[in-house]
Structure formats: C-alpha cells, structure tokens
N, C-alpha and C. Protein backbone atom coordinates (compact mmCIF):
# COMPACT_ATOMS: atom_id res chain seq x y z
N MET A 1 114.07 95.82 75.03
CA MET A 1 113.05 95.38 75.96
C MET A 1 113.16 94.53 77.48
N LEU A 2 112.01 94.00 77.86
CA LEU A 2 111.95 93.68 79.36
C LEU A 2 113.04 92.83 79.98
N ILE A 3 113.54 91.78 79.07
CA ILE A 3 113.86 91.10 79.72
C ILE A 3 115.23 91.71 80.40
N GLY A 4 115.95 92.93 79.24
CA GLY A 4 117.38 92.72 79.48
C GLY A 4 117.58 94.20 80.67
N HIS A 5 116.18 95.21 80.67
CA HIS A 5 116.22 95.72 82.06
C HIS A 5 116.12 95.09 83.33
N PHE A 6 115.49 93.56 83.27
CA PHE A 6 116.02 92.79 84.26
C PHE A 6 117.04 92.23 84.86
N ALA A 7 117.89 92.07 83.72
CA ALA A 7 119.50 92.47 83.58
C ALA A 7 120.91 92.96 84.19
N ILE A 8 119.97 94.00 83.70
CA ILE A 8 120.52 95.16 83.85
C ILE A 8 120.73 94.89 85.85
N SER A 9 119.06 95.17 85.66
CA SER A 9 118.42 95.12 87.35
C SER A 9 120.19 94.51 87.57
N ALA A 10 119.88 92.99 88.03
CA ALA A 10 120.50 92.47 88.13
C ALA A 10 122.08 92.35 88.38
N LEU A 11 122.65 92.92 87.85
CA LEU A 11 124.11 92.77 87.37
C LEU A 11 124.08 94.75 88.29
N LEU A 12 123.60 94.82 88.47
CA LEU A 12 123.39 96.33 89.46
C LEU A 12 123.09 96.11 91.04
N ASN A 13 122.67 95.03 90.93
CA ASN A 13 123.13 94.67 92.58
C ASN A 13 123.67 93.38 93.15
N ARG A 14 124.68 92.98 91.91
CA ARG A 14 125.91 92.08 92.06
C ARG A 14 126.85 92.89 92.60
N TYR A 15 127.20 93.83 91.33
CA TYR A 15 128.81 94.96 91.27
C TYR A 15 129.08 96.59 92.48
N LEU A 16 127.14 96.12 92.62
CA LEU A 16 127.12 97.86 93.36
C LEU A 16 126.57 97.72 94.32
N LYS A 17 125.91 96.74 94.54
CA LYS A 17 125.18 95.51 95.58
C LYS A 17 124.02 96.74 96.26
N VAL A 18 123.36 97.30 95.65
CA VAL A 18 122.01 97.72 95.39
C VAL A 18 121.15 96.46 96.20
N GLU A 19 119.90 97.24 96.25
CA GLU A 19 118.83 95.91 97.18
C GLU A 19 118.18 95.77 95.48
N LEU A 20 117.61 94.39 95.16
CA LEU A 20 118.09 93.91 94.03
C LEU A 20 116.10 94.46 93.78
N PRO A 21 115.51 94.06 94.54
CA PRO A 21 113.54 94.02 94.52
C PRO A 21 113.50 95.65 94.30
N ILE A 22 113.56 97.01 95.18
CA ILE A 22 113.48 98.31 94.20
C ILE A 22 114.67 98.21 93.17
N THR A 23 115.82 98.43 93.94
CA THR A 23 116.68 98.34 91.63
C THR A 23 115.51 97.70 90.86
N THR A 24 115.04 96.59 90.64
CA THR A 24 114.26 96.11 89.36
C THR A 24 113.30 96.21 88.90
N ALA A 25 112.54 97.61 90.32
CA ALA A 25 111.29 98.02 90.53
C ALA A 25 111.55 99.26 89.80
N GLY A 26 112.43 99.80 90.22
CA GLY A 26 113.14 101.46 89.21
C GLY A 26 113.45 100.99 88.17
N GLY A 27 113.59 100.09 87.65
CA GLY A 27 114.73 99.56 86.22
C GLY A 27 113.69 99.42 85.46
N ILE A 28 112.47 98.91 85.74
CA ILE A 28 110.58 98.93 84.98
C ILE A 28 109.61 99.68 85.15
N PHE A 29 110.18 100.73 85.75
CA PHE A 29 109.03 102.11 86.34
C PHE A 29 108.71 102.64 85.08
N PRO A 30 109.44 102.57 84.69
CA PRO A 30 108.78 104.08 82.72
C PRO A 30 108.31 102.91 81.76
N ASP A 31 108.54 102.19 81.96
CA ASP A 31 108.01 101.05 80.82
C ASP A 31 106.76 100.66 81.17
N ILE A 32 106.20 100.67 82.75
CA ILE A 32 104.80 100.56 83.33
C ILE A 32 104.08 101.29 83.31
N VAL A 33 104.95 103.07 83.39
CA VAL A 33 103.78 103.90 83.69
C VAL A 33 103.63 104.36 81.99
N ASP A 34 104.93 104.18 81.01
CA ASP A 34 104.95 105.02 79.75
C ASP A 34 103.92 103.99 78.48
N LYS A 35 104.18 102.52 79.03
CA LYS A 35 103.56 101.63 77.85
C LYS A 35 101.63 101.28 78.03
N THR A 36 101.24 101.62 79.68
CA THR A 36 100.26 101.88 79.85
C THR A 36 99.24 102.15 79.12
N LEU A 37 99.62 103.48 78.97
CA LEU A 37 99.70 105.12 79.05
C LEU A 37 99.36 105.27 76.88
N CYS A 38 100.64 104.42 76.57
CA CYS A 38 100.17 104.19 75.01
C CYS A 38 99.59 103.35 74.66
N GLN A 39 99.67 101.66 75.04
CA GLN A 39 98.22 100.65 74.09
C GLN A 39 98.09 99.89 75.03
N GLY A 40 97.88 100.10 76.33
CA GLY A 40 97.11 99.88 77.37
C GLY A 40 95.65 101.16 77.34
N LEU A 41 95.72 102.10 77.95
CA LEU A 41 94.69 103.50 77.73
C LEU A 41 94.79 103.64 76.29
N HIS A 42 95.57 104.25 75.72
CA HIS A 42 95.88 104.86 73.96
C HIS A 42 95.54 106.36 74.33
N ILE A 43 96.13 106.86 75.95
CA ILE A 43 96.24 108.71 75.84
C ILE A 43 97.62 109.36 74.93
N THR A 44 98.88 108.55 75.35
CA THR A 44 99.52 109.10 74.49
C THR A 44 100.36 107.84 72.58
N PRO A 45 101.04 109.29 72.66
CA PRO A 45 101.39 108.12 70.78
C PRO A 45 102.24 108.12 70.87
N SER A 46 103.29 108.00 72.08
CA SER A 46 104.76 106.96 72.16
C SER A 46 104.52 105.95 73.96
N GLY A 47 105.61 104.64 73.35
CA GLY A 47 105.30 104.48 75.18
C GLY A 47 106.78 104.70 76.34
N ARG A 48 107.28 105.78 75.80
CA ARG A 48 108.60 106.93 75.92
C ARG A 48 108.05 108.13 76.15
N MET A 49 107.68 108.85 77.05
CA MET A 49 106.48 110.04 77.24
C MET A 49 107.47 110.16 78.34
N TYR A 50 106.59 110.87 79.29
CA TYR A 50 106.69 111.25 80.60
C TYR A 50 107.16 110.66 81.51
N SER A 51 107.50 108.96 81.63
CA SER A 51 108.47 108.35 82.80
C SER A 51 109.80 108.51 81.98
N HIS A 52 110.10 108.54 80.36
CA HIS A 52 111.73 108.19 80.22
C HIS A 52 111.74 109.33 80.37
N THR A 53 111.85 110.32 81.10
CA THR A 53 112.67 111.88 81.58
C THR A 53 113.63 111.72 82.70
N LEU A 54 114.62 112.76 82.18
CA LEU A 54 115.33 112.97 83.91
C LEU A 54 114.78 113.47 84.66
N VAL A 55 113.62 114.15 84.62
CA VAL A 55 112.17 115.15 85.57
C VAL A 55 112.00 114.19 86.06
N SER A 56 111.10 112.96 85.68
CA SER A 56 110.99 112.26 86.40
C SER A 56 111.81 111.15 87.27
N LEU A 57 112.44 111.14 87.21
CA LEU A 57 114.42 109.78 87.39
C LEU A 57 113.75 110.83 88.99
N PHE A 58 113.95 112.39 88.88
CA PHE A 58 114.34 112.51 90.18
C PHE A 58 112.57 113.15 90.86
N VAL A 59 112.04 113.20 90.47
CA VAL A 59 111.31 113.46 91.50
C VAL A 59 110.74 112.34 91.94
N THR A 60 111.06 110.96 91.19
CA THR A 60 110.49 110.09 92.24
C THR A 60 111.24 109.17 93.39
N THR A 61 112.80 109.15 92.94
CA THR A 61 113.45 109.07 93.61
C THR A 61 113.87 110.25 94.40
N VAL A 62 113.46 111.04 94.64
CA VAL A 62 112.58 111.87 95.96
C VAL A 62 112.09 111.69 96.47
N PHE A 63 110.48 111.05 95.66
CA PHE A 63 109.09 110.32 96.33
C PHE A 63 109.48 109.29 97.83
N ILE A 64 110.51 107.85 96.65
CA ILE A 64 111.78 107.09 97.70
C ILE A 64 112.18 107.28 98.40
N ASP A 65 113.02 108.06 98.46
CA ASP A 65 113.71 108.54 99.49
C ASP A 65 112.67 109.31 100.62
N ARG A 66 112.17 109.43 100.85
CA ARG A 66 111.61 110.83 101.72
C ARG A 66 110.71 109.68 102.40
N PHE A 67 109.31 108.32 101.57
CA PHE A 67 109.23 107.52 102.33
C PHE A 67 109.71 106.20 102.81
N MET A 68 110.90 105.59 101.86
CA MET A 68 111.32 104.71 102.24
C MET A 68 112.44 104.26 102.47
N GLY A 69 113.39 105.87 102.55
CA GLY A 69 114.66 105.53 102.76
C GLY A 69 115.80 105.84 102.08
N HIS A 70 116.83 106.31 102.46
CA HIS A 70 117.86 106.79 101.90
C HIS A 70 118.24 105.29 100.90
N ARG A 71 118.74 104.25 101.65
CA ARG A 71 119.02 103.16 101.17
C ARG A 71 118.65 102.66 99.46
N LYS A 72 116.66 102.92 99.60
CA LYS A 72 116.23 102.32 98.87
C LYS A 72 115.97 103.21 97.69
N ALA A 73 116.65 104.57 98.59
CA ALA A 73 115.96 105.78 97.23
C ALA A 73 117.72 105.62 96.50
N VAL A 74 118.38 105.14 96.42
CA VAL A 74 119.81 104.55 95.63
C VAL A 74 119.31 103.46 94.69
N GLY A 75 118.76 102.70 95.05
CA GLY A 75 118.58 101.20 94.17
C GLY A 75 117.38 101.86 93.73
N TRP A 76 116.06 102.65 93.32
CA TRP A 76 115.46 103.26 92.61
C TRP A 76 116.22 104.04 91.55
N GLY A 77 116.79 105.02 91.63
CA GLY A 77 117.43 105.63 90.74
C GLY A 77 118.72 104.90 90.23
N LEU A 78 119.34 104.09 90.68
CA LEU A 78 120.11 103.88 89.72
C LEU A 78 119.81 102.71 88.76
N GLY A 79 118.58 102.06 89.00
CA GLY A 79 117.99 101.25 88.62
C GLY A 79 116.85 101.97 87.29
N TYR A 80 116.40 102.89 87.42
CA TYR A 80 115.79 104.10 86.86
C TYR A 80 116.55 104.37 85.61
N LEU A 81 117.80 104.98 86.23
CA LEU A 81 118.73 105.78 85.17
C LEU A 81 119.24 104.57 84.38
N ALA A 82 120.03 103.51 84.46
CA ALA A 82 120.30 102.29 83.97
C ALA A 82 119.33 101.75 82.78
N HIS A 83 117.75 102.67 82.93
CA HIS A 83 116.69 101.95 81.96
C HIS A 83 116.73 102.96 80.87
N LEU A 84 116.91 104.28 81.56
CA LEU A 84 117.39 105.59 80.61
C LEU A 84 118.12 105.10 80.13
N ILE A 85 119.58 104.79 80.35
CA ILE A 85 120.70 104.81 79.27
C ILE A 85 120.81 103.77 78.45
N ALA A 86 119.79 102.44 78.48
CA ALA A 86 119.66 101.37 78.32
C ALA A 86 118.80 101.93 76.74
N ASP A 87 117.41 102.70 76.96
CA ASP A 87 116.80 102.96 76.12
C ASP A 87 117.37 103.48 74.88
N THR A 88 118.77 104.69 75.33
CA THR A 88 118.53 105.17 74.26
C THR A 88 119.52 104.28 73.29
N GLY A 89 120.29 103.41 73.93
CA GLY A 89 121.09 102.65 71.86
C GLY A 89 119.34 102.13 71.23
N GLY A 90 118.27 101.45 71.76
CA GLY A 90 117.65 100.23 71.27
C GLY A 90 117.47 99.80 71.47
N PHE A 91 117.55 98.07 70.96
CA PHE A 91 118.09 97.25 71.97
C PHE A 91 118.17 97.13 73.16
N VAL A 92 117.95 96.68 74.12
CA VAL A 92 118.10 96.44 75.41
C VAL A 92 118.76 94.17 75.67
C-alpha cells in the first residue's frame, strides 16, 4: 500500500537522517513504473516486474549518484530497498 511506503520513507528520514524528498521518491519509484506498465498501459502481467528487482535498485542508485550526488543516492537507495523489503511481506 502506498501509504506504508510513505511512512517507511518518513521513518528513514527521522532515524537515519536521509533527505525526505529523494527517499520518498526512491520508495515509490518501483510502484510508479511497474503499476503504470501493468495497470495503465497493460504491457506487463504484474504490478511487480522490472522495477521490483535488485538490478533496478542498483542501476537507478548509480544513476542518482552520478548525476545528483552521493548523499541523494544514499537516500534513494535506502528508500528503494525499504520498498522492496516491505513488498516481500504482503501488506505494508
């Protein structure tokens, strides 16, 4: 659930002192991409496909690090990783 991913980003911000906007963006990015491909464009059979992988986490975090800096990449990566972990248990 999207609200749960926002809450996890807020917790990361509070306890790990990462930047909230980039952490939140990383935390909802997998759903934005995969849910759009599945439910919006009807290209993929599931809402957890390409962006819900460790490869996508790595590639996007390296991209953020390269173009936005290391501090933002840490926030993005933690938000993204938290999203993937939260999705493994079902409801967030």
